[in-house]
Amino acid sequence: MSAADPADHDCLVAAREGALDGFETVYRRHANAVLAFLMRRTRNPELAADVFAEAFASLLALVVAEKERPIPTTPLAWLLTAANNLLIDAHRRGQVEMRARARLKME
């Protein structure tokens, strides 16, 4: 991960103020890195795409809807952490579903 890029922060500030093209700039700048991270971790394109979308939606919600919270100064680090946490949650949900299916003797 790289150091904070002031341009990223400026783009997210602009998005918070209503210029959503600022968010698009951050998305375009970091989308490939986040998706590559997820593909390495999952080897599952569908799961990677789902988590990718959730991570960026979470960042957008933070920037636009949660105006009292500070904007991340390193969006890529924030996105990778969010993606990792979402993967952990997905794995936990999968374990719970597998145990439930086993108890019910379902495939």
PDB file of N, CA and C in Angstrom:
ATOM      1  N   MET A   1       0.835  -1.179   0.000  1.00  0.00           N
ATOM      2  CA  MET A   1       0.000   0.000   0.000  1.00  0.00           C
ATOM      3  C   MET A   1       0.876   1.237   0.000  1.00  0.00           C
ATOM      4  N   SER A   2       0.350   2.241  -0.610  1.00  0.00           N
ATOM      5  CA  SER A   2       1.129   3.476  -0.693  1.00  0.00           C
ATOM      6  C   SER A   2       0.687   4.454   0.382  1.00  0.00           C
ATOM      7  N   ALA A   3       1.471   5.502   0.518  1.00  0.00           N
ATOM      8  CA  ALA A   3       1.126   6.561   1.468  1.00  0.00           C
ATOM      9  C   ALA A   3      -0.137   7.273   0.995  1.00  0.00           C
ATOM     10  N   ALA A   4      -0.685   8.057   1.859  1.00  0.00           N
ATOM     11  CA  ALA A   4      -1.903   8.791   1.532  1.00  0.00           C
ATOM     12  C   ALA A   4      -1.670   9.681   0.317  1.00  0.00           C
ATOM     13  N   ASP A   5      -2.622   9.672  -0.597  1.00  0.00           N
ATOM     14  CA  ASP A   5      -2.567  10.523  -1.778  1.00  0.00           C
ATOM     15  C   ASP A   5      -3.563  11.661  -1.558  1.00  0.00           C
ATOM     16  N   PRO A   6      -3.075  12.886  -1.414  1.00  0.00           N
ATOM     17  CA  PRO A   6      -3.993  14.005  -1.167  1.00  0.00           C
ATOM     18  C   PRO A   6      -5.070  14.130  -2.247  1.00  0.00           C
ATOM     19  N   ALA A   7      -4.753  13.718  -3.466  1.00  0.00           N
ATOM     20  CA  ALA A   7      -5.747  13.796  -4.539  1.00  0.00           C
ATOM     21  C   ALA A   7      -6.935  12.888  -4.242  1.00  0.00           C
ATOM     22  N   ASP A   8      -6.692  11.695  -3.686  1.00  0.00           N
ATOM     23  CA  ASP A   8      -7.789  10.800  -3.311  1.00  0.00           C
ATOM     24  C   ASP A   8      -8.689  11.459  -2.276  1.00  0.00           C
ATOM     25  N   HIS A   9      -8.058  12.029  -1.261  1.00  0.00           N
ATOM     26  CA  HIS A   9      -8.838  12.674  -0.202  1.00  0.00           C
ATOM     27  C   HIS A   9      -9.651  13.832  -0.771  1.00  0.00           C
ATOM     28  N   ASP A  10      -9.039  14.631  -1.626  1.00  0.00           N
ATOM     29  CA  ASP A  10      -9.750  15.754  -2.249  1.00  0.00           C
ATOM     30  C   ASP A  10     -10.943  15.263  -3.063  1.00  0.00           C
ATOM     31  N   CYS A  11     -10.770  14.158  -3.773  1.00  0.00           N
ATOM     32  CA  CYS A  11     -11.872  13.593  -4.565  1.00  0.00           C
ATOM     33  C   CYS A  11     -13.026  13.156  -3.667  1.00  0.00           C
ATOM     34  N   LEU A  12     -12.692  12.537  -2.534  1.00  0.00           N
ATOM     35  CA  LEU A  12     -13.748  12.093  -1.625  1.00  0.00           C
ATOM     36  C   LEU A  12     -14.421  13.271  -0.929  1.00  0.00           C
ATOM     37  N   VAL A  13     -13.677  14.313  -0.637  1.00  0.00           N
ATOM     38  CA  VAL A  13     -14.282  15.531  -0.082  1.00  0.00           C
ATOM     39  C   VAL A  13     -15.266  16.108  -1.101  1.00  0.00           C
ATOM     40  N   ALA A  14     -14.872  16.147  -2.361  1.00  0.00           N
ATOM     41  CA  ALA A  14     -15.764  16.649  -3.412  1.00  0.00           C
ATOM     42  C   ALA A  14     -17.021  15.789  -3.506  1.00  0.00           C
ATOM     43  N   ALA A  15     -16.857  14.474  -3.364  1.00  0.00           N
ATOM     44  CA  ALA A  15     -18.017  13.580  -3.407  1.00  0.00           C
ATOM     45  C   ALA A  15     -18.957  13.863  -2.241  1.00  0.00           C
ATOM     46  N   ARG A  16     -18.387  14.094  -1.070  1.00  0.00           N
ATOM     47  CA  ARG A  16     -19.211  14.407   0.104  1.00  0.00           C
ATOM     48  C   ARG A  16     -20.012  15.690  -0.133  1.00  0.00           C
ATOM     49  N   GLU A  17     -19.425  16.607  -0.888  1.00  0.00           N
ATOM     50  CA  GLU A  17     -20.085  17.889  -1.174  1.00  0.00           C
ATOM     51  C   GLU A  17     -21.031  17.800  -2.364  1.00  0.00           C
ATOM     52  N   GLY A  18     -21.181  16.602  -2.950  1.00  0.00           N
ATOM     53  CA  GLY A  18     -22.152  16.409  -4.023  1.00  0.00           C
ATOM     54  C   GLY A  18     -21.577  16.140  -5.394  1.00  0.00           C
ATOM     55  N   ALA A  19     -20.286  16.273  -5.565  1.00  0.00           N
ATOM     56  CA  ALA A  19     -19.652  16.018  -6.864  1.00  0.00           C
ATOM     57  C   ALA A  19     -19.237  14.547  -6.916  1.00  0.00           C
ATOM     58  N   LEU A  20     -20.181  13.678  -7.264  1.00  0.00           N
ATOM     59  CA  LEU A  20     -19.919  12.241  -7.209  1.00  0.00           C
ATOM     60  C   LEU A  20     -18.875  11.776  -8.215  1.00  0.00           C
ATOM     61  N   ASP A  21     -18.513  12.621  -9.161  1.00  0.00           N
ATOM     62  CA  ASP A  21     -17.420  12.232 -10.061  1.00  0.00           C
ATOM     63  C   ASP A  21     -16.107  12.101  -9.280  1.00  0.00           C
ATOM     64  N   GLY A  22     -16.024  12.737  -8.127  1.00  0.00           N
ATOM     65  CA  GLY A  22     -14.858  12.554  -7.264  1.00  0.00           C
ATOM     66  C   GLY A  22     -14.775  11.118  -6.771  1.00  0.00           C
ATOM     67  N   PHE A  23     -15.919  10.542  -6.413  1.00  0.00           N
ATOM     68  CA  PHE A  23     -15.936   9.140  -6.002  1.00  0.00           C
ATOM     69  C   PHE A  23     -15.581   8.246  -7.182  1.00  0.00           C
ATOM     70  N   GLU A  24     -16.092   8.586  -8.349  1.00  0.00           N
ATOM     71  CA  GLU A  24     -15.773   7.804  -9.545  1.00  0.00           C
ATOM     72  C   GLU A  24     -14.265   7.793  -9.807  1.00  0.00           C
ATOM     73  N   THR A  25     -13.626   8.908  -9.590  1.00  0.00           N
ATOM     74  CA  THR A  25     -12.171   8.979  -9.784  1.00  0.00           C
ATOM     75  C   THR A  25     -11.454   8.020  -8.841  1.00  0.00           C
ATOM     76  N   VAL A  26     -11.860   8.017  -7.582  1.00  0.00           N
ATOM     77  CA  VAL A  26     -11.252   7.106  -6.607  1.00  0.00           C
ATOM     78  C   VAL A  26     -11.552   5.660  -6.994  1.00  0.00           C
ATOM     79  N   TYR A  27     -12.769   5.399  -7.418  1.00  0.00           N
ATOM     80  CA  TYR A  27     -13.151   4.052  -7.871  1.00  0.00           C
ATOM     81  C   TYR A  27     -12.246   3.599  -9.013  1.00  0.00           C
ATOM     82  N   ARG A  28     -12.124   4.418 -10.038  1.00  0.00           N
ATOM     83  CA  ARG A  28     -11.296   4.048 -11.195  1.00  0.00           C
ATOM     84  C   ARG A  28      -9.827   3.870 -10.800  1.00  0.00           C
ATOM     85  N   ARG A  29      -9.372   4.673  -9.882  1.00  0.00           N
ATOM     86  CA  ARG A  29      -7.972   4.613  -9.458  1.00  0.00           C
ATOM     87  C   ARG A  29      -7.660   3.320  -8.704  1.00  0.00           C
ATOM     88  N   HIS A  30      -8.627   2.786  -7.950  1.00  0.00           N
ATOM     89  CA  HIS A  30      -8.334   1.660  -7.059  1.00  0.00           C
ATOM     90  C   HIS A  30      -9.098   0.374  -7.363  1.00  0.00           C
ATOM     91  N   ALA A  31      -9.996   0.387  -8.315  1.00  0.00           N
ATOM     92  CA  ALA A  31     -10.823  -0.794  -8.601  1.00  0.00           C
ATOM     93  C   ALA A  31      -9.981  -2.023  -8.938  1.00  0.00           C
ATOM     94  N   ASN A  32      -9.003  -1.874  -9.800  1.00  0.00           N
ATOM     95  CA  ASN A  32      -8.193  -3.035 -10.203  1.00  0.00           C
ATOM     96  C   ASN A  32      -7.439  -3.634  -9.025  1.00  0.00           C
ATOM     97  N   ALA A  33      -6.899  -2.803  -8.171  1.00  0.00           N
ATOM     98  CA  ALA A  33      -6.138  -3.306  -7.016  1.00  0.00           C
ATOM     99  C   ALA A  33      -7.046  -4.066  -6.052  1.00  0.00           C
ATOM    100  N   VAL A  34      -8.245  -3.533  -5.814  1.00  0.00           N
ATOM    101  CA  VAL A  34      -9.170  -4.185  -4.885  1.00  0.00           C
ATOM    102  C   VAL A  34      -9.642  -5.510  -5.477  1.00  0.00           C
ATOM    103  N   LEU A  35      -9.997  -5.518  -6.746  1.00  0.00           N
ATOM    104  CA  LEU A  35     -10.466  -6.754  -7.374  1.00  0.00           C
ATOM    105  C   LEU A  35      -9.350  -7.800  -7.429  1.00  0.00           C
ATOM    106  N   ALA A  36      -8.133  -7.398  -7.742  1.00  0.00           N
ATOM    107  CA  ALA A  36      -7.011  -8.344  -7.762  1.00  0.00           C
ATOM    108  C   ALA A  36      -6.781  -8.940  -6.375  1.00  0.00           C
ATOM    109  N   PHE A  37      -6.853  -8.108  -5.338  1.00  0.00           N
ATOM    110  CA  PHE A  37      -6.716  -8.586  -3.963  1.00  0.00           C
ATOM    111  C   PHE A  37      -7.767  -9.652  -3.664  1.00  0.00           C
ATOM    112  N   LEU A  38      -9.005  -9.376  -4.040  1.00  0.00           N
ATOM    113  CA  LEU A  38     -10.097 -10.309  -3.761  1.00  0.00           C
ATOM    114  C   LEU A  38      -9.968 -11.599  -4.561  1.00  0.00           C
ATOM    115  N   MET A  39      -9.542 -11.495  -5.798  1.00  0.00           N
ATOM    116  CA  MET A  39      -9.370 -12.704  -6.607  1.00  0.00           C
ATOM    117  C   MET A  39      -8.244 -13.583  -6.048  1.00  0.00           C
ATOM    118  N   ARG A  40      -7.179 -12.965  -5.583  1.00  0.00           N
ATOM    119  CA  ARG A  40      -6.101 -13.749  -4.961  1.00  0.00           C
ATOM    120  C   ARG A  40      -6.599 -14.454  -3.708  1.00  0.00           C
ATOM    121  N   ARG A  41      -7.422 -13.771  -2.952  1.00  0.00           N
ATOM    122  CA  ARG A  41      -7.908 -14.339  -1.684  1.00  0.00           C
ATOM    123  C   ARG A  41      -8.970 -15.410  -1.884  1.00  0.00           C
ATOM    124  N   THR A  42      -9.834 -15.249  -2.894  1.00  0.00           N
ATOM    125  CA  THR A  42     -10.987 -16.141  -3.014  1.00  0.00           C
ATOM    126  C   THR A  42     -10.868 -17.180  -4.121  1.00  0.00           C
ATOM    127  N   ARG A  43     -10.218 -16.828  -5.198  1.00  0.00           N
ATOM    128  CA  ARG A  43     -10.196 -17.668  -6.409  1.00  0.00           C
ATOM    129  C   ARG A  43     -11.617 -17.974  -6.877  1.00  0.00           C
ATOM    130  N   ASN A  44     -12.534 -17.084  -6.533  1.00  0.00           N
ATOM    131  CA  ASN A  44     -13.950 -17.250  -6.869  1.00  0.00           C
ATOM    132  C   ASN A  44     -14.451 -15.928  -7.430  1.00  0.00           C
ATOM    133  N   PRO A  45     -14.624 -15.834  -8.758  1.00  0.00           N
ATOM    134  CA  PRO A  45     -15.015 -14.554  -9.358  1.00  0.00           C
ATOM    135  C   PRO A  45     -16.336 -13.991  -8.831  1.00  0.00           C
ATOM    136  N   GLU A  46     -17.319 -14.851  -8.562  1.00  0.00           N
ATOM    137  CA  GLU A  46     -18.609 -14.364  -8.068  1.00  0.00           C
ATOM    138  C   GLU A  46     -18.486 -13.773  -6.672  1.00  0.00           C
ATOM    139  N   LEU A  47     -17.802 -14.473  -5.787  1.00  0.00           N
ATOM    140  CA  LEU A  47     -17.616 -13.961  -4.429  1.00  0.00           C
ATOM    141  C   LEU A  47     -16.777 -12.689  -4.463  1.00  0.00           C
ATOM    142  N   ALA A  48     -15.720 -12.693  -5.273  1.00  0.00           N
ATOM    143  CA  ALA A  48     -14.870 -11.501  -5.378  1.00  0.00           C
ATOM    144  C   ALA A  48     -15.680 -10.299  -5.855  1.00  0.00           C
ATOM    145  N   ALA A  49     -16.533 -10.509  -6.858  1.00  0.00           N
ATOM    146  CA  ALA A  49     -17.353  -9.407  -7.382  1.00  0.00           C
ATOM    147  C   ALA A  49     -18.342  -8.904  -6.335  1.00  0.00           C
ATOM    148  N   ASP A  50     -18.939  -9.828  -5.592  1.00  0.00           N
ATOM    149  CA  ASP A  50     -19.895  -9.425  -4.553  1.00  0.00           C
ATOM    150  C   ASP A  50     -19.215  -8.593  -3.468  1.00  0.00           C
ATOM    151  N   VAL A  51     -18.082  -9.070  -2.996  1.00  0.00           N
ATOM    152  CA  VAL A  51     -17.366  -8.361  -1.932  1.00  0.00           C
ATOM    153  C   VAL A  51     -16.822  -7.030  -2.447  1.00  0.00           C
ATOM    154  N   PHE A  52     -16.339  -7.015  -3.679  1.00  0.00           N
ATOM    155  CA  PHE A  52     -15.862  -5.789  -4.324  1.00  0.00           C
ATOM    156  C   PHE A  52     -16.957  -4.727  -4.294  1.00  0.00           C
ATOM    157  N   ALA A  53     -18.162  -5.110  -4.724  1.00  0.00           N
ATOM    158  CA  ALA A  53     -19.281  -4.165  -4.751  1.00  0.00           C
ATOM    159  C   ALA A  53     -19.629  -3.685  -3.351  1.00  0.00           C
ATOM    160  N   GLU A  54     -19.640  -4.603  -2.392  1.00  0.00           N
ATOM    161  CA  GLU A  54     -19.952  -4.218  -1.010  1.00  0.00           C
ATOM    162  C   GLU A  54     -18.913  -3.258  -0.438  1.00  0.00           C
ATOM    163  N   ALA A  55     -17.651  -3.501  -0.739  1.00  0.00           N
ATOM    164  CA  ALA A  55     -16.586  -2.633  -0.206  1.00  0.00           C
ATOM    165  C   ALA A  55     -16.728  -1.211  -0.748  1.00  0.00           C
ATOM    166  N   PHE A  56     -16.931  -1.082  -2.057  1.00  0.00           N
ATOM    167  CA  PHE A  56     -17.073   0.261  -2.624  1.00  0.00           C
ATOM    168  C   PHE A  56     -18.387   0.915  -2.179  1.00  0.00           C
ATOM    169  N   ALA A  57     -19.451   0.130  -2.036  1.00  0.00           N
ATOM    170  CA  ALA A  57     -20.708   0.696  -1.542  1.00  0.00           C
ATOM    171  C   ALA A  57     -20.538   1.199  -0.112  1.00  0.00           C
ATOM    172  N   SER A  58     -19.762   0.482   0.688  1.00  0.00           N
ATOM    173  CA  SER A  58     -19.498   0.917   2.062  1.00  0.00           C
ATOM    174  C   SER A  58     -18.722   2.224   2.091  1.00  0.00           C
ATOM    175  N   LEU A  59     -17.738   2.346   1.206  1.00  0.00           N
ATOM    176  CA  LEU A  59     -16.978   3.599   1.145  1.00  0.00           C
ATOM    177  C   LEU A  59     -17.873   4.744   0.706  1.00  0.00           C
ATOM    178  N   LEU A  60     -18.709   4.499  -0.291  1.00  0.00           N
ATOM    179  CA  LEU A  60     -19.630   5.543  -0.756  1.00  0.00           C
ATOM    180  C   LEU A  60     -20.571   5.960   0.366  1.00  0.00           C
ATOM    181  N   ALA A  61     -21.101   4.995   1.095  1.00  0.00           N
ATOM    182  CA  ALA A  61     -21.991   5.320   2.214  1.00  0.00           C
ATOM    183  C   ALA A  61     -21.261   6.140   3.273  1.00  0.00           C
ATOM    184  N   LEU A  62     -20.026   5.760   3.557  1.00  0.00           N
ATOM    185  CA  LEU A  62     -19.237   6.507   4.539  1.00  0.00           C
ATOM    186  C   LEU A  62     -19.040   7.946   4.096  1.00  0.00           C
ATOM    187  N   VAL A  63     -18.710   8.127   2.840  1.00  0.00           N
ATOM    188  CA  VAL A  63     -18.407   9.457   2.327  1.00  0.00           C
ATOM    189  C   VAL A  63     -19.662  10.313   2.211  1.00  0.00           C
ATOM    190  N   VAL A  64     -20.734   9.740   1.686  1.00  0.00           N
ATOM    191  CA  VAL A  64     -21.926  10.531   1.375  1.00  0.00           C
ATOM    192  C   VAL A  64     -22.931  10.560   2.524  1.00  0.00           C
ATOM    193  N   ALA A  65     -23.185   9.416   3.135  1.00  0.00           N
ATOM    194  CA  ALA A  65     -24.262   9.341   4.116  1.00  0.00           C
ATOM    195  C   ALA A  65     -23.807   9.596   5.552  1.00  0.00           C
ATOM    196  N   GLU A  66     -22.592   9.261   5.867  1.00  0.00           N
ATOM    197  CA  GLU A  66     -22.119   9.387   7.244  1.00  0.00           C
ATOM    198  C   GLU A  66     -21.233  10.620   7.380  1.00  0.00           C
ATOM    199  N   LYS A  67     -21.839  11.766   7.179  1.00  0.00           N
ATOM    200  CA  LYS A  67     -21.074  13.013   7.099  1.00  0.00           C
ATOM    201  C   LYS A  67     -20.368  13.398   8.387  1.00  0.00           C
ATOM    202  N   GLU A  68     -20.748  12.797   9.506  1.00  0.00           N
ATOM    203  CA  GLU A  68     -20.069  13.116  10.758  1.00  0.00           C
ATOM    204  C   GLU A  68     -18.764  12.333  10.906  1.00  0.00           C
ATOM    205  N   ARG A  69     -18.587  11.290  10.112  1.00  0.00           N
ATOM    206  CA  ARG A  69     -17.359  10.485  10.192  1.00  0.00           C
ATOM    207  C   ARG A  69     -16.285  11.058   9.280  1.00  0.00           C
ATOM    208  N   PRO A  70     -15.035  10.954   9.679  1.00  0.00           N
ATOM    209  CA  PRO A  70     -13.963  11.480   8.833  1.00  0.00           C
ATOM    210  C   PRO A  70     -13.806  10.663   7.560  1.00  0.00           C
ATOM    211  N   ILE A  71     -13.361  11.332   6.521  1.00  0.00           N
ATOM    212  CA  ILE A  71     -13.097  10.685   5.238  1.00  0.00           C
ATOM    213  C   ILE A  71     -11.740   9.992   5.336  1.00  0.00           C
ATOM    214  N   PRO A  72     -11.644   8.737   4.873  1.00  0.00           N
ATOM    215  CA  PRO A  72     -10.341   8.057   4.917  1.00  0.00           C
ATOM    216  C   PRO A  72      -9.286   8.821   4.125  1.00  0.00           C
ATOM    217  N   THR A  73      -8.107   8.950   4.705  1.00  0.00           N
ATOM    218  CA  THR A  73      -7.021   9.625   3.986  1.00  0.00           C
ATOM    219  C   THR A  73      -6.327   8.672   3.027  1.00  0.00           C
ATOM    220  N   THR A  74      -6.488   7.370   3.246  1.00  0.00           N
ATOM    221  CA  THR A  74      -5.927   6.360   2.341  1.00  0.00           C
ATOM    222  C   THR A  74      -7.053   5.423   1.905  1.00  0.00           C
ATOM    223  N   PRO A  75      -7.822   5.820   0.885  1.00  0.00           N
ATOM    224  CA  PRO A  75      -8.966   5.004   0.461  1.00  0.00           C
ATOM    225  C   PRO A  75      -8.595   3.579   0.076  1.00  0.00           C
ATOM    226  N   LEU A  76      -7.428   3.370  -0.540  1.00  0.00           N
ATOM    227  CA  LEU A  76      -7.065   2.008  -0.915  1.00  0.00           C
ATOM    228  C   LEU A  76      -6.890   1.134   0.324  1.00  0.00           C
ATOM    229  N   ALA A  77      -6.200   1.631   1.318  1.00  0.00           N
ATOM    230  CA  ALA A  77      -6.040   0.863   2.560  1.00  0.00           C
ATOM    231  C   ALA A  77      -7.397   0.607   3.205  1.00  0.00           C
ATOM    232  N   TRP A  78      -8.262   1.606   3.209  1.00  0.00           N
ATOM    233  CA  TRP A  78      -9.603   1.460   3.779  1.00  0.00           C
ATOM    234  C   TRP A  78     -10.375   0.390   3.022  1.00  0.00           C
ATOM    235  N   LEU A  79     -10.322   0.443   1.681  1.00  0.00           N
ATOM    236  CA  LEU A  79     -11.047  -0.523   0.846  1.00  0.00           C
ATOM    237  C   LEU A  79     -10.528  -1.947   1.050  1.00  0.00           C
ATOM    238  N   LEU A  80      -9.220  -2.111   1.114  1.00  0.00           N
ATOM    239  CA  LEU A  80      -8.664  -3.454   1.305  1.00  0.00           C
ATOM    240  C   LEU A  80      -9.019  -4.015   2.674  1.00  0.00           C
ATOM    241  N   THR A  81      -9.018  -3.169   3.682  1.00  0.00           N
ATOM    242  CA  THR A  81      -9.426  -3.611   5.014  1.00  0.00           C
ATOM    243  C   THR A  81     -10.904  -3.983   5.025  1.00  0.00           C
ATOM    244  N   ALA A  82     -11.729  -3.148   4.418  1.00  0.00           N
ATOM    245  CA  ALA A  82     -13.166  -3.437   4.340  1.00  0.00           C
ATOM    246  C   ALA A  82     -13.402  -4.737   3.581  1.00  0.00           C
ATOM    247  N   ALA A  83     -12.713  -4.919   2.456  1.00  0.00           N
ATOM    248  CA  ALA A  83     -12.869  -6.136   1.660  1.00  0.00           C
ATOM    249  C   ALA A  83     -12.455  -7.362   2.469  1.00  0.00           C
ATOM    250  N   ASN A  84     -11.361  -7.262   3.178  1.00  0.00           N
ATOM    251  CA  ASN A  84     -10.912  -8.383   4.004  1.00  0.00           C
ATOM    252  C   ASN A  84     -11.943  -8.712   5.082  1.00  0.00           C
ATOM    253  N   ASN A  85     -12.469  -7.697   5.746  1.00  0.00           N
ATOM    254  CA  ASN A  85     -13.488  -7.923   6.779  1.00  0.00           C
ATOM    255  C   ASN A  85     -14.756  -8.523   6.190  1.00  0.00           C
ATOM    256  N   LEU A  86     -15.146  -8.070   5.002  1.00  0.00           N
ATOM    257  CA  LEU A  86     -16.324  -8.634   4.334  1.00  0.00           C
ATOM    258  C   LEU A  86     -16.095 -10.091   3.954  1.00  0.00           C
ATOM    259  N   LEU A  87     -14.885 -10.433   3.543  1.00  0.00           N
ATOM    260  CA  LEU A  87     -14.566 -11.832   3.241  1.00  0.00           C
ATOM    261  C   LEU A  87     -14.659 -12.700   4.490  1.00  0.00           C
ATOM    262  N   ILE A  88     -14.156 -12.191   5.599  1.00  0.00           N
ATOM    263  CA  ILE A  88     -14.249 -12.929   6.867  1.00  0.00           C
ATOM    264  C   ILE A  88     -15.710 -13.159   7.221  1.00  0.00           C
ATOM    265  N   ASP A  89     -16.530 -12.123   7.086  1.00  0.00           N
ATOM    266  CA  ASP A  89     -17.959 -12.262   7.372  1.00  0.00           C
ATOM    267  C   ASP A  89     -18.613 -13.293   6.449  1.00  0.00           C
ATOM    268  N   ALA A  90     -18.261 -13.262   5.157  1.00  0.00           N
ATOM    269  CA  ALA A  90     -18.832 -14.214   4.195  1.00  0.00           C
ATOM    270  C   ALA A  90     -18.428 -15.641   4.568  1.00  0.00           C
ATOM    271  N   HIS A  91     -17.190 -15.802   4.974  1.00  0.00           N
ATOM    272  CA  HIS A  91     -16.719 -17.125   5.379  1.00  0.00           C
ATOM    273  C   HIS A  91     -17.488 -17.613   6.604  1.00  0.00           C
ATOM    274  N   ARG A  92     -17.669 -16.747   7.577  1.00  0.00           N
ATOM    275  CA  ARG A  92     -18.420 -17.122   8.786  1.00  0.00           C
ATOM    276  C   ARG A  92     -19.852 -17.501   8.441  1.00  0.00           C
ATOM    277  N   ARG A  93     -20.493 -16.714   7.568  1.00  0.00           N
ATOM    278  CA  ARG A  93     -21.867 -17.046   7.160  1.00  0.00           C
ATOM    279  C   ARG A  93     -21.891 -18.410   6.480  1.00  0.00           C
ATOM    280  N   GLY A  94     -20.898 -18.672   5.655  1.00  0.00           N
ATOM    281  CA  GLY A  94     -20.830 -19.963   4.962  1.00  0.00           C
ATOM    282  C   GLY A  94     -20.670 -21.112   5.929  1.00  0.00           C
ATOM    283  N   GLN A  95     -19.867 -20.935   6.969  1.00  0.00           N
ATOM    284  CA  GLN A  95     -19.684 -21.989   7.972  1.00  0.00           C
ATOM    285  C   GLN A  95     -20.996 -22.260   8.702  1.00  0.00           C
ATOM    286  N   VAL A  96     -21.707 -21.220   9.039  1.00  0.00           N
ATOM    287  CA  VAL A  96     -22.993 -21.378   9.724  1.00  0.00           C
ATOM    288  C   VAL A  96     -23.974 -22.102   8.813  1.00  0.00           C
ATOM    289  N   GLU A  97     -24.021 -21.725   7.549  1.00  0.00           N
ATOM    290  CA  GLU A  97     -24.932 -22.372   6.597  1.00  0.00           C
ATOM    291  C   GLU A  97     -24.576 -23.845   6.420  1.00  0.00           C
ATOM    292  N   MET A  98     -23.279 -24.171   6.353  1.00  0.00           N
ATOM    293  CA  MET A  98     -22.866 -25.570   6.202  1.00  0.00           C
ATOM    294  C   MET A  98     -23.283 -26.399   7.417  1.00  0.00           C
ATOM    295  N   ARG A  99     -23.105 -25.861   8.615  1.00  0.00           N
ATOM    296  CA  ARG A  99     -23.501 -26.586   9.829  1.00  0.00           C
ATOM    297  C   ARG A  99     -25.015 -26.792   9.859  1.00  0.00           C
ATOM    298  N   ALA A 100     -25.764 -25.771   9.460  1.00  0.00           N
ATOM    299  CA  ALA A 100     -27.229 -25.893   9.449  1.00  0.00           C
ATOM    300  C   ALA A 100     -27.664 -26.965   8.447  1.00  0.00           C
ATOM    301  N   ARG A 101     -27.060 -26.965   7.263  1.00  0.00           N
ATOM    302  CA  ARG A 101     -27.400 -27.982   6.261  1.00  0.00           C
ATOM    303  C   ARG A 101     -27.041 -29.385   6.776  1.00  0.00           C
ATOM    304  N   ALA A 102     -25.912 -29.510   7.450  1.00  0.00           N
ATOM    305  CA  ALA A 102     -25.495 -30.806   7.980  1.00  0.00           C
ATOM    306  C   ALA A 102     -26.488 -31.286   9.031  1.00  0.00           C
ATOM    307  N   ARG A 103     -26.925 -30.386   9.915  1.00  0.00           N
ATOM    308  CA  ARG A 103     -27.894 -30.778  10.948  1.00  0.00           C
ATOM    309  C   ARG A 103     -29.219 -31.216  10.323  1.00  0.00           C
ATOM    310  N   LEU A 104     -29.590 -30.575   9.226  1.00  0.00           N
ATOM    311  CA  LEU A 104     -30.843 -30.904   8.562  1.00  0.00           C
ATOM    312  C   LEU A 104     -30.675 -32.019   7.516  1.00  0.00           C
ATOM    313  N   LYS A 105     -29.438 -32.517   7.411  1.00  0.00           N
ATOM    314  CA  LYS A 105     -29.097 -33.563   6.464  1.00  0.00           C
ATOM    315  C   LYS A 105     -29.430 -33.158   5.027  1.00  0.00           C
ATOM    316  N   MET A 106     -29.080 -31.904   4.709  1.00  0.00           N
ATOM    317  CA  MET A 106     -29.285 -31.354   3.371  1.00  0.00           C
ATOM    318  C   MET A 106     -27.946 -31.253   2.667  1.00  0.00           C
ATOM    319  N   GLU A 107     -27.971 -31.296   1.333  1.00  0.00           N
ATOM    320  CA  GLU A 107     -26.738 -31.084   0.569  1.00  0.00           C
ATOM    321  C   GLU A 107     -26.396 -29.621   0.549  1.00  0.00           C
TER     322      GLU A 107
END
